[in-house]
Amino acid sequence: MKTIAALQAVVTAASLDLEPSAAELDAIEQEMPLIRAEVELLDAQIITLDRPAAELDERRVRRARNRVLAARRDLANRASGEVA
């Protein structure tokens, strides 16, 4: 029977670098408009959970969805522009 203890040291030794790399931070920065739009959509949806949705709430959710779609479109266009 093989012991796992010897393998465990190898696994944990490789994962000591817990900080994100510069490339990962740049990727997060590129996606930040989408992340913010998704958070706004989530906030708008949470507001409607505890009460019936009024017309203003429906508009808020619809606008937030549109912002998410626009942010996704912009991110996809930026990504396709870098490849070309």
PDB file of N, CA and C in Angstrom:
ATOM      1  N   MET A   1       0.849  -1.173   0.000  1.00  0.00           N
ATOM      2  CA  MET A   1       0.000   0.000   0.000  1.00  0.00           C
ATOM      3  C   MET A   1       0.892   1.232   0.000  1.00  0.00           C
ATOM      4  N   LYS A   2       0.614   2.160  -0.898  1.00  0.00           N
ATOM      5  CA  LYS A   2       1.403   3.380  -0.986  1.00  0.00           C
ATOM      6  C   LYS A   2       0.817   4.433  -0.052  1.00  0.00           C
ATOM      7  N   THR A   3       1.700   5.217   0.527  1.00  0.00           N
ATOM      8  CA  THR A   3       1.231   6.299   1.390  1.00  0.00           C
ATOM      9  C   THR A   3       1.061   7.575   0.577  1.00  0.00           C
ATOM     10  N   ILE A   4       0.123   8.379   0.985  1.00  0.00           N
ATOM     11  CA  ILE A   4      -0.167   9.625   0.280  1.00  0.00           C
ATOM     12  C   ILE A   4       0.668  10.773   0.836  1.00  0.00           C
ATOM     13  N   ALA A   5       1.253  10.606   1.998  1.00  0.00           N
ATOM     14  CA  ALA A   5       1.994  11.686   2.651  1.00  0.00           C
ATOM     15  C   ALA A   5       3.120  12.205   1.780  1.00  0.00           C
ATOM     16  N   ALA A   6       3.828  11.343   1.085  1.00  0.00           N
ATOM     17  CA  ALA A   6       4.932  11.787   0.237  1.00  0.00           C
ATOM     18  C   ALA A   6       4.412  12.622  -0.921  1.00  0.00           C
ATOM     19  N   LEU A   7       3.289  12.263  -1.469  1.00  0.00           N
ATOM     20  CA  LEU A   7       2.706  13.025  -2.568  1.00  0.00           C
ATOM     21  C   LEU A   7       2.105  14.336  -2.087  1.00  0.00           C
ATOM     22  N   GLN A   8       1.613  14.365  -0.879  1.00  0.00           N
ATOM     23  CA  GLN A   8       0.982  15.568  -0.352  1.00  0.00           C
ATOM     24  C   GLN A   8       1.968  16.728  -0.282  1.00  0.00           C
ATOM     25  N   ALA A   9       3.208  16.467   0.101  1.00  0.00           N
ATOM     26  CA  ALA A   9       4.211  17.528   0.192  1.00  0.00           C
ATOM     27  C   ALA A   9       4.453  18.152  -1.174  1.00  0.00           C
ATOM     28  N   VAL A  10       4.440  17.354  -2.226  1.00  0.00           N
ATOM     29  CA  VAL A  10       4.647  17.873  -3.566  1.00  0.00           C
ATOM     30  C   VAL A  10       3.483  18.758  -3.983  1.00  0.00           C
ATOM     31  N   VAL A  11       2.279  18.369  -3.670  1.00  0.00           N
ATOM     32  CA  VAL A  11       1.092  19.132  -4.050  1.00  0.00           C
ATOM     33  C   VAL A  11       1.064  20.468  -3.324  1.00  0.00           C
ATOM     34  N   THR A  12       1.307  20.471  -2.035  1.00  0.00           N
ATOM     35  CA  THR A  12       1.234  21.718  -1.287  1.00  0.00           C
ATOM     36  C   THR A  12       2.424  22.620  -1.556  1.00  0.00           C
ATOM     37  N   ALA A  13       3.572  22.072  -1.884  1.00  0.00           N
ATOM     38  CA  ALA A  13       4.739  22.901  -2.165  1.00  0.00           C
ATOM     39  C   ALA A  13       4.533  23.701  -3.443  1.00  0.00           C
ATOM     40  N   ALA A  14       3.840  23.158  -4.414  1.00  0.00           N
ATOM     41  CA  ALA A  14       3.615  23.855  -5.677  1.00  0.00           C
ATOM     42  C   ALA A  14       2.568  24.952  -5.533  1.00  0.00           C
ATOM     43  N   SER A  15       1.709  24.875  -4.534  1.00  0.00           N
ATOM     44  CA  SER A  15       0.626  25.837  -4.415  1.00  0.00           C
ATOM     45  C   SER A  15       0.908  26.933  -3.390  1.00  0.00           C
ATOM     46  N   LEU A  16       2.172  27.174  -3.062  1.00  0.00           N
ATOM     47  CA  LEU A  16       2.500  28.212  -2.091  1.00  0.00           C
ATOM     48  C   LEU A  16       2.335  29.611  -2.656  1.00  0.00           C
ATOM     49  N   ASP A  17       2.473  29.773  -3.963  1.00  0.00           N
ATOM     50  CA  ASP A  17       2.328  31.074  -4.593  1.00  0.00           C
ATOM     51  C   ASP A  17       0.838  31.370  -4.767  1.00  0.00           C
ATOM     52  N   LEU A  18       0.242  32.066  -3.800  1.00  0.00           N
ATOM     53  CA  LEU A  18      -1.198  32.292  -3.807  1.00  0.00           C
ATOM     54  C   LEU A  18      -1.590  33.623  -4.429  1.00  0.00           C
ATOM     55  N   GLU A  19      -0.635  34.458  -4.768  1.00  0.00           N
ATOM     56  CA  GLU A  19      -0.930  35.757  -5.358  1.00  0.00           C
ATOM     57  C   GLU A  19      -1.212  35.608  -6.850  1.00  0.00           C
ATOM     58  N   PRO A  20      -2.178  36.378  -7.371  1.00  0.00           N
ATOM     59  CA  PRO A  20      -2.436  36.308  -8.813  1.00  0.00           C
ATOM     60  C   PRO A  20      -1.284  36.944  -9.591  1.00  0.00           C
ATOM     61  N   SER A  21      -1.051  36.419 -10.758  1.00  0.00           N
ATOM     62  CA  SER A  21       0.012  36.958 -11.602  1.00  0.00           C
ATOM     63  C   SER A  21      -0.447  38.259 -12.250  1.00  0.00           C
ATOM     64  N   ALA A  22       0.467  38.964 -12.860  1.00  0.00           N
ATOM     65  CA  ALA A  22       0.134  40.210 -13.545  1.00  0.00           C
ATOM     66  C   ALA A  22      -0.848  39.955 -14.694  1.00  0.00           C
ATOM     67  N   ALA A  23      -0.683  38.843 -15.382  1.00  0.00           N
ATOM     68  CA  ALA A  23      -1.588  38.502 -16.486  1.00  0.00           C
ATOM     69  C   ALA A  23      -2.998  38.238 -15.969  1.00  0.00           C
ATOM     70  N   GLU A  24      -3.106  37.557 -14.819  1.00  0.00           N
ATOM     71  CA  GLU A  24      -4.424  37.296 -14.238  1.00  0.00           C
ATOM     72  C   GLU A  24      -5.090  38.600 -13.783  1.00  0.00           C
ATOM     73  N   LEU A  25      -4.299  39.493 -13.201  1.00  0.00           N
ATOM     74  CA  LEU A  25      -4.846  40.784 -12.782  1.00  0.00           C
ATOM     75  C   LEU A  25      -5.298  41.609 -13.982  1.00  0.00           C
ATOM     76  N   ASP A  26      -4.556  41.550 -15.080  1.00  0.00           N
ATOM     77  CA  ASP A  26      -4.960  42.250 -16.295  1.00  0.00           C
ATOM     78  C   ASP A  26      -6.262  41.674 -16.857  1.00  0.00           C
ATOM     79  N   ALA A  27      -6.399  40.353 -16.804  1.00  0.00           N
ATOM     80  CA  ALA A  27      -7.626  39.715 -17.287  1.00  0.00           C
ATOM     81  C   ALA A  27      -8.823  40.133 -16.443  1.00  0.00           C
ATOM     82  N   ILE A  28      -8.622  40.206 -15.141  1.00  0.00           N
ATOM     83  CA  ILE A  28      -9.708  40.653 -14.249  1.00  0.00           C
ATOM     84  C   ILE A  28     -10.075  42.094 -14.557  1.00  0.00           C
ATOM     85  N   GLU A  29      -9.067  42.925 -14.780  1.00  0.00           N
ATOM     86  CA  GLU A  29      -9.315  44.337 -15.098  1.00  0.00           C
ATOM     87  C   GLU A  29     -10.094  44.476 -16.405  1.00  0.00           C
ATOM     88  N   GLN A  30      -9.789  43.623 -17.387  1.00  0.00           N
ATOM     89  CA  GLN A  30     -10.519  43.645 -18.654  1.00  0.00           C
ATOM     90  C   GLN A  30     -11.984  43.260 -18.459  1.00  0.00           C
ATOM     91  N   GLU A  31     -12.246  42.344 -17.535  1.00  0.00           N
ATOM     92  CA  GLU A  31     -13.597  41.851 -17.305  1.00  0.00           C
ATOM     93  C   GLU A  31     -14.368  42.672 -16.273  1.00  0.00           C
ATOM     94  N   MET A  32     -13.745  43.662 -15.666  1.00  0.00           N
ATOM     95  CA  MET A  32     -14.377  44.416 -14.589  1.00  0.00           C
ATOM     96  C   MET A  32     -15.696  45.085 -14.996  1.00  0.00           C
ATOM     97  N   PRO A  33     -15.838  45.682 -16.190  1.00  0.00           N
ATOM     98  CA  PRO A  33     -17.154  46.236 -16.554  1.00  0.00           C
ATOM     99  C   PRO A  33     -18.260  45.180 -16.556  1.00  0.00           C
ATOM    100  N   LEU A  34     -17.942  43.984 -17.015  1.00  0.00           N
ATOM    101  CA  LEU A  34     -18.929  42.896 -17.008  1.00  0.00           C
ATOM    102  C   LEU A  34     -19.242  42.474 -15.579  1.00  0.00           C
ATOM    103  N   ILE A  35     -18.233  42.383 -14.749  1.00  0.00           N
ATOM    104  CA  ILE A  35     -18.443  41.993 -13.354  1.00  0.00           C
ATOM    105  C   ILE A  35     -19.349  43.013 -12.659  1.00  0.00           C
ATOM    106  N   ARG A  36     -19.080  44.301 -12.865  1.00  0.00           N
ATOM    107  CA  ARG A  36     -19.915  45.340 -12.249  1.00  0.00           C
ATOM    108  C   ARG A  36     -21.356  45.272 -12.749  1.00  0.00           C
ATOM    109  N   ALA A  37     -21.529  45.040 -14.055  1.00  0.00           N
ATOM    110  CA  ALA A  37     -22.876  44.942 -14.614  1.00  0.00           C
ATOM    111  C   ALA A  37     -23.617  43.744 -14.040  1.00  0.00           C
ATOM    112  N   GLU A  38     -22.932  42.625 -13.871  1.00  0.00           N
ATOM    113  CA  GLU A  38     -23.575  41.440 -13.300  1.00  0.00           C
ATOM    114  C   GLU A  38     -23.943  41.658 -11.834  1.00  0.00           C
ATOM    115  N   VAL A  39     -23.114  42.393 -11.107  1.00  0.00           N
ATOM    116  CA  VAL A  39     -23.433  42.700  -9.708  1.00  0.00           C
ATOM    117  C   VAL A  39     -24.663  43.604  -9.639  1.00  0.00           C
ATOM    118  N   GLU A  40     -24.751  44.584 -10.530  1.00  0.00           N
ATOM    119  CA  GLU A  40     -25.934  45.453 -10.565  1.00  0.00           C
ATOM    120  C   GLU A  40     -27.194  44.654 -10.885  1.00  0.00           C
ATOM    121  N   LEU A  41     -27.084  43.711 -11.817  1.00  0.00           N
ATOM    122  CA  LEU A  41     -28.231  42.861 -12.142  1.00  0.00           C
ATOM    123  C   LEU A  41     -28.626  42.024 -10.937  1.00  0.00           C
ATOM    124  N   LEU A  42     -27.664  41.466 -10.255  1.00  0.00           N
ATOM    125  CA  LEU A  42     -27.957  40.670  -9.068  1.00  0.00           C
ATOM    126  C   LEU A  42     -28.623  41.522  -7.996  1.00  0.00           C
ATOM    127  N   ASP A  43     -28.133  42.730  -7.799  1.00  0.00           N
ATOM    128  CA  ASP A  43     -28.750  43.640  -6.831  1.00  0.00           C
ATOM    129  C   ASP A  43     -30.203  43.941  -7.199  1.00  0.00           C
ATOM    130  N   ALA A  44     -30.449  44.192  -8.472  1.00  0.00           N
ATOM    131  CA  ALA A  44     -31.812  44.481  -8.916  1.00  0.00           C
ATOM    132  C   ALA A  44     -32.722  43.275  -8.715  1.00  0.00           C
ATOM    133  N   GLN A  45     -32.202  42.090  -8.953  1.00  0.00           N
ATOM    134  CA  GLN A  45     -33.006  40.884  -8.755  1.00  0.00           C
ATOM    135  C   GLN A  45     -33.258  40.618  -7.276  1.00  0.00           C
ATOM    136  N   ILE A  46     -32.285  40.896  -6.432  1.00  0.00           N
ATOM    137  CA  ILE A  46     -32.458  40.695  -4.992  1.00  0.00           C
ATOM    138  C   ILE A  46     -33.524  41.626  -4.442  1.00  0.00           C
ATOM    139  N   ILE A  47     -33.578  42.848  -4.948  1.00  0.00           N
ATOM    140  CA  ILE A  47     -34.587  43.805  -4.489  1.00  0.00           C
ATOM    141  C   ILE A  47     -35.990  43.276  -4.720  1.00  0.00           C
ATOM    142  N   THR A  48     -36.190  42.546  -5.809  1.00  0.00           N
ATOM    143  CA  THR A  48     -37.529  42.063  -6.144  1.00  0.00           C
ATOM    144  C   THR A  48     -37.907  40.766  -5.424  1.00  0.00           C
ATOM    145  N   LEU A  49     -37.000  40.197  -4.648  1.00  0.00           N
ATOM    146  CA  LEU A  49     -37.300  38.927  -3.989  1.00  0.00           C
ATOM    147  C   LEU A  49     -38.322  39.044  -2.862  1.00  0.00           C
ATOM    148  N   ASP A  50     -38.265  40.115  -2.109  1.00  0.00           N
ATOM    149  CA  ASP A  50     -39.093  40.197  -0.909  1.00  0.00           C
ATOM    150  C   ASP A  50     -40.413  40.928  -1.109  1.00  0.00           C
ATOM    151  N   ARG A  51     -40.690  41.341  -2.322  1.00  0.00           N
ATOM    152  CA  ARG A  51     -41.962  42.028  -2.583  1.00  0.00           C
ATOM    153  C   ARG A  51     -42.353  41.813  -4.042  1.00  0.00           C
ATOM    154  N   PRO A  52     -43.603  42.027  -4.348  1.00  0.00           N
ATOM    155  CA  PRO A  52     -44.014  41.919  -5.758  1.00  0.00           C
ATOM    156  C   PRO A  52     -43.299  42.980  -6.594  1.00  0.00           C
ATOM    157  N   ALA A  53     -42.912  42.606  -7.776  1.00  0.00           N
ATOM    158  CA  ALA A  53     -42.164  43.519  -8.636  1.00  0.00           C
ATOM    159  C   ALA A  53     -43.069  44.627  -9.161  1.00  0.00           C
ATOM    160  N   ALA A  54     -42.688  45.845  -8.870  1.00  0.00           N
ATOM    161  CA  ALA A  54     -43.403  47.005  -9.398  1.00  0.00           C
ATOM    162  C   ALA A  54     -42.833  47.345 -10.777  1.00  0.00           C
ATOM    163  N   GLU A  55     -43.463  48.282 -11.427  1.00  0.00           N
ATOM    164  CA  GLU A  55     -42.999  48.670 -12.756  1.00  0.00           C
ATOM    165  C   GLU A  55     -41.563  49.206 -12.700  1.00  0.00           C
ATOM    166  N   LEU A  56     -41.260  49.981 -11.671  1.00  0.00           N
ATOM    167  CA  LEU A  56     -39.905  50.509 -11.515  1.00  0.00           C
ATOM    168  C   LEU A  56     -38.893  49.388 -11.322  1.00  0.00           C
ATOM    169  N   ASP A  57     -39.256  48.372 -10.561  1.00  0.00           N
ATOM    170  CA  ASP A  57     -38.359  47.230 -10.355  1.00  0.00           C
ATOM    171  C   ASP A  57     -38.126  46.472 -11.653  1.00  0.00           C
ATOM    172  N   GLU A  58     -39.188  46.301 -12.429  1.00  0.00           N
ATOM    173  CA  GLU A  58     -39.058  45.608 -13.714  1.00  0.00           C
ATOM    174  C   GLU A  58     -38.129  46.376 -14.645  1.00  0.00           C
ATOM    175  N   ARG A  59     -38.267  47.704 -14.659  1.00  0.00           N
ATOM    176  CA  ARG A  59     -37.372  48.524 -15.479  1.00  0.00           C
ATOM    177  C   ARG A  59     -35.929  48.417 -15.014  1.00  0.00           C
ATOM    178  N   ARG A  60     -35.741  48.419 -13.701  1.00  0.00           N
ATOM    179  CA  ARG A  60     -34.386  48.323 -13.141  1.00  0.00           C
ATOM    180  C   ARG A  60     -33.736  47.006 -13.554  1.00  0.00           C
ATOM    181  N   VAL A  61     -34.482  45.912 -13.472  1.00  0.00           N
ATOM    182  CA  VAL A  61     -33.939  44.603 -13.867  1.00  0.00           C
ATOM    183  C   VAL A  61     -33.672  44.572 -15.370  1.00  0.00           C
ATOM    184  N   ARG A  62     -34.585  45.104 -16.160  1.00  0.00           N
ATOM    185  CA  ARG A  62     -34.409  45.115 -17.615  1.00  0.00           C
ATOM    186  C   ARG A  62     -33.180  45.933 -18.014  1.00  0.00           C
ATOM    187  N   ARG A  63     -33.013  47.091 -17.406  1.00  0.00           N
ATOM    188  CA  ARG A  63     -31.833  47.921 -17.709  1.00  0.00           C
ATOM    189  C   ARG A  63     -30.546  47.233 -17.278  1.00  0.00           C
ATOM    190  N   ALA A  64     -30.584  46.569 -16.134  1.00  0.00           N
ATOM    191  CA  ALA A  64     -29.395  45.853 -15.665  1.00  0.00           C
ATOM    192  C   ALA A  64     -29.058  44.701 -16.617  1.00  0.00           C
ATOM    193  N   ARG A  65     -30.076  43.991 -17.111  1.00  0.00           N
ATOM    194  CA  ARG A  65     -29.832  42.918 -18.082  1.00  0.00           C
ATOM    195  C   ARG A  65     -29.213  43.479 -19.353  1.00  0.00           C
ATOM    196  N   ASN A  66     -29.727  44.619 -19.791  1.00  0.00           N
ATOM    197  CA  ASN A  66     -29.177  45.247 -20.998  1.00  0.00           C
ATOM    198  C   ASN A  66     -27.721  45.657 -20.792  1.00  0.00           C
ATOM    199  N   ARG A  67     -27.391  46.141 -19.589  1.00  0.00           N
ATOM    200  CA  ARG A  67     -25.996  46.505 -19.303  1.00  0.00           C
ATOM    201  C   ARG A  67     -25.095  45.269 -19.326  1.00  0.00           C
ATOM    202  N   VAL A  68     -25.600  44.161 -18.804  1.00  0.00           N
ATOM    203  CA  VAL A  68     -24.821  42.925 -18.826  1.00  0.00           C
ATOM    204  C   VAL A  68     -24.589  42.483 -20.267  1.00  0.00           C
ATOM    205  N   LEU A  69     -25.628  42.515 -21.073  1.00  0.00           N
ATOM    206  CA  LEU A  69     -25.473  42.108 -22.476  1.00  0.00           C
ATOM    207  C   LEU A  69     -24.499  43.022 -23.213  1.00  0.00           C
ATOM    208  N   ALA A  70     -24.578  44.318 -22.967  1.00  0.00           N
ATOM    209  CA  ALA A  70     -23.663  45.263 -23.613  1.00  0.00           C
ATOM    210  C   ALA A  70     -22.224  45.024 -23.155  1.00  0.00           C
ATOM    211  N   ALA A  71     -22.041  44.758 -21.876  1.00  0.00           N
ATOM    212  CA  ALA A  71     -20.695  44.501 -21.366  1.00  0.00           C
ATOM    213  C   ALA A  71     -20.141  43.204 -21.951  1.00  0.00           C
ATOM    214  N   ARG A  72     -20.983  42.177 -22.081  1.00  0.00           N
ATOM    215  CA  ARG A  72     -20.537  40.921 -22.692  1.00  0.00           C
ATOM    216  C   ARG A  72     -20.167  41.133 -24.149  1.00  0.00           C
ATOM    217  N   ARG A  73     -20.984  41.921 -24.857  1.00  0.00           N
ATOM    218  CA  ARG A  73     -20.708  42.217 -26.262  1.00  0.00           C
ATOM    219  C   ARG A  73     -19.371  42.944 -26.399  1.00  0.00           C
ATOM    220  N   ASP A  74     -19.160  43.971 -25.569  1.00  0.00           N
ATOM    221  CA  ASP A  74     -17.916  44.736 -25.626  1.00  0.00           C
ATOM    222  C   ASP A  74     -16.709  43.863 -25.313  1.00  0.00           C
ATOM    223  N   LEU A  75     -16.855  43.005 -24.323  1.00  0.00           N
ATOM    224  CA  LEU A  75     -15.758  42.110 -23.960  1.00  0.00           C
ATOM    225  C   LEU A  75     -15.462  41.125 -25.097  1.00  0.00           C
ATOM    226  N   ALA A  76     -16.499  40.593 -25.709  1.00  0.00           N
ATOM    227  CA  ALA A  76     -16.296  39.656 -26.830  1.00  0.00           C
ATOM    228  C   ALA A  76     -15.678  40.367 -28.023  1.00  0.00           C
ATOM    229  N   ASN A  77     -16.109  41.597 -28.302  1.00  0.00           N
ATOM    230  CA  ASN A  77     -15.524  42.343 -29.415  1.00  0.00           C
ATOM    231  C   ASN A  77     -14.063  42.661 -29.138  1.00  0.00           C
ATOM    232  N   ARG A  78     -13.739  43.014 -27.897  1.00  0.00           N
ATOM    233  CA  ARG A  78     -12.356  43.295 -27.546  1.00  0.00           C
ATOM    234  C   ARG A  78     -11.499  42.035 -27.699  1.00  0.00           C
ATOM    235  N   ALA A  79     -12.045  40.902 -27.260  1.00  0.00           N
ATOM    236  CA  ALA A  79     -11.306  39.647 -27.333  1.00  0.00           C
ATOM    237  C   ALA A  79     -11.094  39.228 -28.796  1.00  0.00           C
ATOM    238  N   SER A  80     -12.097  39.408 -29.621  1.00  0.00           N
ATOM    239  CA  SER A  80     -11.947  39.023 -31.031  1.00  0.00           C
ATOM    240  C   SER A  80     -11.018  39.983 -31.767  1.00  0.00           C
ATOM    241  N   GLY A  81     -10.970  41.233 -31.320  1.00  0.00           N
ATOM    242  CA  GLY A  81     -10.060  42.193 -31.927  1.00  0.00           C
ATOM    243  C   GLY A  81      -8.603  41.893 -31.619  1.00  0.00           C
ATOM    244  N   GLU A  82      -8.338  41.313 -30.448  1.00  0.00           N
ATOM    245  CA  GLU A  82      -6.972  40.972 -30.077  1.00  0.00           C
ATOM    246  C   GLU A  82      -6.470  39.778 -30.860  1.00  0.00           C
ATOM    247  N   VAL A  83      -7.366  38.860 -31.210  1.00  0.00           N
ATOM    248  CA  VAL A  83      -6.968  37.654 -31.926  1.00  0.00           C
ATOM    249  C   VAL A  83      -6.610  37.986 -33.372  1.00  0.00           C
ATOM    250  N   ALA A  84      -7.340  38.876 -33.967  1.00  0.00           N
ATOM    251  CA  ALA A  84      -7.143  39.186 -35.382  1.00  0.00           C
ATOM    252  C   ALA A  84      -5.859  39.907 -35.669  1.00  0.00           C
TER     253      ALA A  84
END
